[in-house]
Protein backbone atom coordinates (compact mmCIF):
# COMPACT_ATOMS: atom_id res chain seq x y z
CA MET A 1 0.05 0.00 0.18
CA SER A 2 1.16 3.23 -0.90
CA ASP A 3 -1.62 6.07 -1.77
CA ALA A 4 -3.53 7.46 1.29
CA LEU A 5 -6.39 9.17 0.93
CA VAL A 6 -7.34 10.91 4.38
CA ILE A 7 -10.95 12.45 4.20
CA GLY A 8 -10.63 15.60 6.72
CA GLY A 9 -6.82 15.91 7.48
CA THR A 10 -6.04 19.41 7.93
CA ARG A 11 -7.05 20.32 11.70
CA PHE A 12 -6.14 17.65 14.54
CA ILE A 13 -6.57 14.03 14.42
CA GLY A 14 -6.35 14.37 10.41
CA ARG A 15 -3.58 16.61 10.48
CA HIS A 16 -1.83 13.99 12.99
CA THR A 17 -2.68 11.12 10.53
CA VAL A 18 -1.55 13.13 7.30
CA ALA A 19 1.78 13.02 9.33
CA GLU A 20 1.93 9.66 10.67
CA PHE A 21 1.42 8.13 6.71
CA LEU A 22 3.85 10.66 5.32
CA ASP A 23 6.33 9.59 8.05
CA HIS A 24 5.63 6.10 6.96
CA GLY A 25 6.55 6.30 2.82
CA TYR A 26 3.33 7.03 2.01
CA ASP A 27 2.00 9.35 -1.15
CA VAL A 28 -0.62 11.20 1.00
CA THR A 29 -3.47 13.48 -0.65
CA VAL A 30 -6.44 14.81 1.63
CA PHE A 31 -10.09 15.37 0.62
CA ASN A 32 -12.03 18.49 2.11
CA ARG A 33 -13.75 21.45 1.58
CA GLY A 34 -10.66 23.56 1.87
CA ASN A 35 -11.69 25.72 4.47
CA HIS A 36 -8.51 24.85 6.72
CA GLU A 37 -4.87 25.83 5.66
CA ASN A 38 -3.22 22.66 4.55
CA PRO A 39 0.13 22.69 6.59
CA PHE A 40 1.81 20.04 4.66
CA GLY A 41 2.83 22.41 1.73
CA ASP A 42 3.69 20.52 -1.46
CA ARG A 43 4.31 17.02 0.54
CA VAL A 44 0.82 16.52 0.30
CA ALA A 45 -1.86 16.56 -2.57
CA HIS A 46 -5.31 18.57 -2.10
CA VAL A 47 -8.98 17.61 -4.10
CA GLU A 48 -11.07 19.73 -2.63
CA GLY A 49 -15.01 18.98 -1.73
CA ASP A 50 -17.62 18.54 0.43
CA ARG A 51 -17.77 14.46 1.58
CA LYS A 52 -21.46 15.14 1.66
CA GLU A 53 -21.69 15.10 -2.01
CA GLU A 54 -21.56 11.63 -3.31
CA GLY A 55 -20.54 13.14 -6.93
CA ARG A 56 -17.48 14.82 -5.22
CA LEU A 57 -16.32 11.80 -3.04
CA ARG A 58 -16.42 9.27 -6.29
CA LEU A 59 -14.63 12.23 -8.46
CA ALA A 60 -11.33 11.82 -5.67
CA ALA A 61 -11.46 8.25 -5.70
CA GLU A 62 -10.98 8.57 -9.61
CA ARG A 63 -8.37 11.19 -9.44
CA VAL A 64 -6.27 9.60 -6.44
CA ASP A 65 -6.98 5.19 -6.58
CA PRO A 66 -6.02 5.12 -2.80
CA ASP A 67 -4.81 2.17 -1.60
CA VAL A 68 -5.95 3.19 1.97
CA VAL A 69 -9.01 5.94 3.06
CA ILE A 70 -9.17 7.08 6.31
CA ASP A 71 -11.95 8.65 7.65
CA CYS A 72 -11.46 11.54 10.01
CA VAL A 73 -14.86 13.28 9.22
CA ALA A 74 -17.92 10.78 9.11
CA TYR A 75 -20.49 12.02 11.76
CA GLN A 76 -23.53 10.49 10.29
CA PRO A 77 -24.34 6.87 9.71
CA ARG A 78 -24.93 7.75 6.19
CA ASP A 79 -21.47 9.12 5.26
CA VAL A 80 -20.31 5.87 6.09
CA ARG A 81 -22.08 3.86 4.20
CA VAL A 82 -21.75 5.95 1.20
CA ALA A 83 -17.56 5.66 1.54
CA CYS A 84 -17.93 1.89 2.00
CA ASP A 85 -19.83 2.08 -1.60
CA VAL A 86 -17.52 4.77 -3.47
CA PHE A 87 -14.16 3.09 -1.75
CA ALA A 88 -15.30 -0.73 -1.83
CA ASP A 89 -12.40 -1.79 -3.89
CA VAL A 90 -9.46 -0.18 -1.88
CA ASP A 91 -7.25 -2.33 0.43
CA ALA A 92 -8.37 -0.59 3.52
CA TYR A 93 -11.07 1.65 5.19
CA VAL A 94 -10.93 2.79 8.49
CA TYR A 95 -13.75 5.14 9.47
CA ILE A 96 -12.59 6.81 12.83
CA SER A 97 -15.69 6.00 15.51
CA SER A 98 -15.51 6.57 18.93
CA GLY A 99 -15.55 5.04 22.51
CA SER A 100 -18.86 6.72 22.89
CA SER A 101 -20.04 4.26 20.42
CA TYR A 102 -20.51 1.65 23.97
CA GLY A 103 -23.89 1.79 25.09
CA ALA A 104 -23.55 0.46 28.37
CA GLU A 105 -21.20 1.66 31.16
CA GLN A 106 -18.82 -1.46 31.76
CA VAL A 107 -15.22 -1.32 32.50
CA PRO A 108 -13.26 -1.97 30.57
CA LYS A 109 -15.03 -1.53 27.08
CA ARG A 110 -14.37 -4.24 24.93
CA GLU A 111 -14.83 -4.58 21.49
CA GLY A 112 -17.48 -7.68 20.38
CA GLU A 113 -18.52 -7.83 24.09
CA THR A 114 -19.85 -4.36 25.47
CA PRO A 115 -23.07 -3.49 24.02
CA LEU A 116 -22.50 -0.36 21.16
CA CYS A 117 -25.53 2.78 21.56
CA ASP A 118 -28.95 1.97 19.51
CA CYS A 119 -29.30 4.61 17.09
CA THR A 120 -33.09 5.96 15.85
CA ALA A 121 -33.71 7.30 12.24
CA GLU A 122 -33.96 11.07 13.78
CA GLN A 123 -30.73 10.32 15.71
CA ALA A 124 -28.44 9.04 12.83
CA THR A 125 -29.56 12.36 10.45
CA ASP A 126 -28.89 15.22 13.38
CA ASP A 127 -26.05 17.23 14.70
CA ALA A 128 -26.91 17.01 18.24
CA PRO A 129 -24.29 16.09 21.04
CA GLU A 130 -26.57 13.57 22.36
CA SER A 131 -26.76 11.48 20.05
CA TYR A 132 -23.15 11.21 18.53
CA GLY A 133 -22.43 7.92 20.66
CA PRO A 134 -25.27 6.31 18.75
CA ARG A 135 -24.32 7.81 15.36
CA LYS A 136 -21.05 6.69 15.87
CA ALA A 137 -22.02 3.26 17.06
CA GLU A 138 -24.76 3.12 13.55
CA GLY A 139 -21.35 4.00 11.69
CA ASP A 140 -19.76 1.13 13.24
CA ARG A 141 -22.62 -0.95 12.31
CA ALA A 142 -22.44 0.48 8.73
CA VAL A 143 -18.48 -1.25 8.49
CA PHE A 144 -19.59 -4.39 10.26
CA ALA A 145 -22.25 -4.66 7.18
CA ALA A 146 -19.82 -3.25 4.66
CA ALA A 147 -17.36 -5.79 5.35
CA GLU A 148 -20.00 -8.30 4.85
CA ASP A 149 -20.18 -7.70 1.60
CA GLY A 150 -16.29 -7.90 0.63
CA VAL A 151 -14.99 -4.41 1.49
CA ASP A 152 -12.05 -4.18 3.71
CA ALA A 153 -13.30 -1.97 6.01
CA MET A 154 -12.23 -1.14 10.05
CA ALA A 155 -13.10 0.82 12.56
CA VAL A 156 -11.15 2.24 15.40
CA ARG A 157 -12.43 3.81 18.53
CA PRO A 158 -10.54 6.68 20.36
CA PRO A 159 -12.05 8.14 23.76
CA VAL A 160 -11.53 11.78 24.08
CA VAL A 161 -8.36 12.81 22.21
CA TYR A 162 -5.61 15.22 23.32
CA GLY A 163 -2.16 16.92 21.70
CA PRO A 164 -1.11 19.26 19.77
CA HIS A 165 -3.27 21.45 17.75
CA ASP A 166 -6.60 20.64 19.51
CA TYR A 167 -9.49 23.21 18.93
CA THR A 168 -11.50 21.82 21.13
CA GLU A 169 -9.12 23.09 24.07
CA ARG A 170 -10.46 20.73 26.70
CA PHE A 171 -7.00 20.01 28.04
CA ASP A 172 -5.77 23.22 27.23
CA TYR A 173 -8.02 24.13 29.94
CA TRP A 174 -6.18 22.14 32.55
CA ILE A 175 -2.63 23.30 31.17
CA GLY A 176 -4.03 26.78 31.50
CA ARG A 177 -5.31 26.42 35.24
CA VAL A 178 -1.70 24.23 36.19
CA GLU A 179 0.61 27.31 34.65
CA SER A 180 -1.07 30.00 36.11
CA HIS A 181 -2.69 28.63 39.55
CA ASN A 182 -1.25 27.76 42.59
CA ARG A 183 -4.02 25.98 43.53
CA VAL A 184 -6.24 23.97 41.29
CA VAL A 185 -10.09 22.90 41.86
CA VAL A 186 -10.56 19.24 40.80
CA PRO A 187 -14.61 18.39 40.48
CA GLY A 188 -15.29 15.67 43.14
CA ASP A 189 -12.87 13.59 44.62
CA GLY A 190 -10.18 13.33 41.83
CA THR A 191 -10.73 9.98 41.18
CA ASN A 192 -13.20 10.18 38.61
CA LEU A 193 -11.48 8.55 35.26
CA TRP A 194 -12.10 9.60 31.81
CA HIS A 195 -10.02 7.35 29.41
CA LEU A 196 -7.83 9.60 27.21
CA VAL A 197 -5.99 9.07 24.34
CA TYR A 198 -2.95 11.06 22.50
CA ALA A 199 -2.94 11.92 18.74
CA GLY A 200 -0.34 10.51 17.50
CA ASP A 201 -1.42 7.57 19.07
CA VAL A 202 -4.67 7.47 16.85
CA ALA A 203 -3.09 8.26 14.20
CA SER A 204 -0.25 5.59 14.47
CA ALA A 205 -3.41 2.99 15.63
CA LEU A 206 -5.32 3.71 12.16
CA ARG A 207 -2.11 2.86 10.04
CA VAL A 208 -1.51 -0.04 12.16
CA VAL A 209 -5.08 -0.90 11.68
CA ALA A 210 -4.78 -0.05 7.67
CA GLU A 211 -2.06 -2.46 7.29
CA GLU A 212 -2.63 -5.37 9.67
CA GLY A 213 -6.17 -4.85 10.67
CA ASP A 214 -9.26 -7.52 9.85
CA PRO A 215 -12.15 -6.27 7.82
CA GLY A 216 -15.21 -6.05 9.66
CA GLU A 217 -13.17 -5.62 13.13
CA ALA A 218 -13.14 -2.31 15.71
CA TYR A 219 -10.23 -1.59 17.62
CA ASN A 220 -10.24 0.37 20.60
CA VAL A 221 -7.67 2.74 20.99
CA GLY A 222 -5.78 4.45 24.31
CA ASP A 223 -3.18 5.67 26.33
CA GLY A 224 -1.31 2.88 28.01
CA HIS A 225 -2.05 4.54 31.85
CA ALA A 226 -5.25 6.03 32.10
CA PRO A 227 -4.85 8.90 34.78
CA THR A 228 -7.93 9.93 37.11
CA LEU A 229 -8.24 13.55 36.89
CA GLY A 230 -6.59 14.25 40.13
CA GLU A 231 -3.42 12.47 38.67
CA TRP A 232 -3.48 14.23 35.52
CA VAL A 233 -3.30 17.64 36.93
CA ASP A 234 -0.24 16.19 38.68
CA LEU A 235 1.17 14.97 35.65
CA VAL A 236 0.81 18.18 33.91
CA ALA A 237 2.39 19.87 36.72
CA ASP A 238 5.37 17.42 36.41
CA ALA A 239 5.26 18.13 32.62
CA CYS A 240 5.41 22.29 33.05
CA ASP A 241 8.01 21.88 36.00
CA THR A 242 5.83 23.27 38.59
CA THR A 243 3.65 22.09 41.52
CA VAL A 244 0.08 22.89 42.56
CA GLU A 245 -1.89 22.16 45.43
CA ARG A 246 -5.38 20.08 44.16
CA VAL A 247 -8.44 21.26 46.06
CA TYR A 248 -11.30 18.89 45.68
CA ALA A 249 -14.62 20.41 45.80
CA SER A 250 -18.07 18.09 45.99
CA ALA A 251 -21.56 18.66 44.22
CA ARG A 252 -22.76 20.57 47.06
CA GLU A 253 -19.72 22.70 47.72
CA LEU A 254 -19.63 23.75 44.08
CA ASP A 255 -23.27 24.16 43.96
CA ALA A 256 -22.67 27.31 46.71
CA VAL A 257 -20.96 29.16 43.83
CA ASN A 258 -23.62 27.58 41.19
CA LEU A 259 -21.35 25.09 39.84
CA SER A 260 -21.90 21.46 38.70
CA LEU A 261 -18.96 18.41 38.36
CA THR A 262 -19.76 18.61 34.84
CA ASP A 263 -18.87 22.21 34.49
CA PHE A 264 -15.30 20.85 34.14
CA PRO A 265 -13.58 19.38 30.97
CA LEU A 266 -12.91 15.82 31.35
CA TYR A 267 -15.04 15.31 34.49
CA ARG A 268 -17.23 12.23 33.83
CA GLU A 269 -19.61 10.49 36.44
CA SER A 270 -19.53 7.22 34.78
CA PRO A 271 -15.53 5.46 34.38
CA HIS A 272 -14.79 5.15 30.94
CA LEU A 273 -11.83 2.57 30.31
CA LEU A 274 -11.49 1.15 26.84
CA GLU A 275 -9.64 -2.30 26.89
CA THR A 276 -7.03 -2.13 24.25
CA ALA A 277 -5.35 -5.81 23.89
CA LYS A 278 -7.01 -6.35 20.75
CA LEU A 279 -5.08 -3.70 18.63
CA ARG A 280 -2.05 -3.99 20.78
CA ALA A 281 -2.22 -7.38 19.21
CA LEU A 282 -1.69 -5.95 15.50
CA GLY A 283 1.72 -4.83 16.54
CA TRP A 284 0.47 -1.33 17.84
CA GLU A 285 1.88 0.68 21.62
CA PRO A 286 1.11 3.58 23.05
CA THR A 287 3.51 6.47 23.93
CA ASP A 288 4.59 7.00 27.13
CA HIS A 289 3.18 10.43 29.24
CA GLU A 290 6.12 12.37 29.31
CA ALA A 291 6.42 12.48 25.68
CA THR A 292 3.11 13.10 24.99
CA LEU A 293 2.66 15.96 27.56
CA ALA A 294 6.26 17.47 26.43
CA ALA A 295 4.73 17.95 22.99
CA THR A 296 1.14 18.96 24.26
CA ILE A 297 2.26 21.52 26.44
CA GLU A 298 5.14 22.55 23.82
CA ASP A 299 2.36 23.01 21.50
CA HIS A 300 -0.61 25.12 23.80
CA ARG A 301 2.35 27.57 25.12
CA GLU A 302 3.07 28.50 20.89
CA SER A 303 -0.57 28.97 20.33
CA ASP A 304 -3.40 31.28 21.48
CA ARG A 305 -5.30 28.84 22.93
CA THR A 306 -6.20 28.57 26.73
CA GLY A 307 -8.95 26.50 27.36
CA ARG A 308 -10.71 29.37 29.39
CA GLU A 309 -14.12 28.66 27.55
CA ASN A 310 -14.24 25.06 28.47
CA GLY A 311 -14.35 25.45 32.05
CA PRO A 312 -15.36 27.72 35.08
CA ASP A 313 -13.36 31.08 35.01
CA ARG A 314 -10.93 32.23 37.67
CA GLU A 315 -13.40 34.65 39.39
CA THR A 316 -15.61 31.60 40.14
CA THR A 317 -13.04 29.48 40.73
CA GLU A 318 -11.25 31.80 43.69
CA ARG A 319 -14.99 32.11 45.06
CA LEU A 320 -15.20 28.64 45.53
CA LEU A 321 -11.93 28.65 47.17
CA ASP A 322 -13.44 31.19 49.85
CA VAL A 323 -15.81 29.27 50.21
CA LEU A 324 -13.96 26.28 50.62
CA GLU A 325 -12.01 27.78 53.20
CA THR A 326 -14.71 28.78 55.45
CA LEU A 327 -16.09 25.10 55.98
């Protein structure tokens, strides 16, 4: 396999994916609407088009004749079904699904064992955050159906992704707090668990699955160690070469300043942990946190991202700290 077509490819996960395939000797073309600057210059070809327009997708397939297709921006089940039809003859079509596709709160969540979300006809066609998991799950089922028809289609399921170029700024919120505060408010008791994954590791997983995966299979991807939120604060502080005091706040204490536990990014009431042994069996390995955090923090410092809009502002957390001191 030598020609890779990345649907998306210039922002976050797609950008890391393009870099991964380039680094491994592929000729890469990105297919997108051209709304974001191509950071790769002449190293990467570009076919412009909206992936929602099947004709443009077919034109890209004809122009590129790819061996591998990585689908970074399939957010509705129809997107996956159409792509599986358009790219039915490629050596590997890999759909980026999500850990949110799991419909049961099990620890850990395992491919083929943990039930997927159901998806209604209405959910399949909307863009609401509440239907994200069901839509991704239905996309998985589209991959499974295509594989039964002979398409070399596979899925990769990441949880929340962090790393350089992360436009969601969820992780930036915590870096900003650690770098600018001596005391960092952590919701609950700091033990809530939300498995994360480094963007570069998602990219390497996509390549490994394209090269070694089995059609009709889904593969979880996640960091090798899944820290609790409290541990993440300490890991970020170590990577920033600083120290902070973690200040825990219960739901009742947060309510005193009109906050809730879920107002903080990366807080999840139920543990979310993905089993990754199936992907590791293909030869994939995660990057250690020392390296992932160094790259993430360096990019944070060079960017204009603050993450402030993703969680409680400084004034509110200062009021909360005052309240906590009186208790």
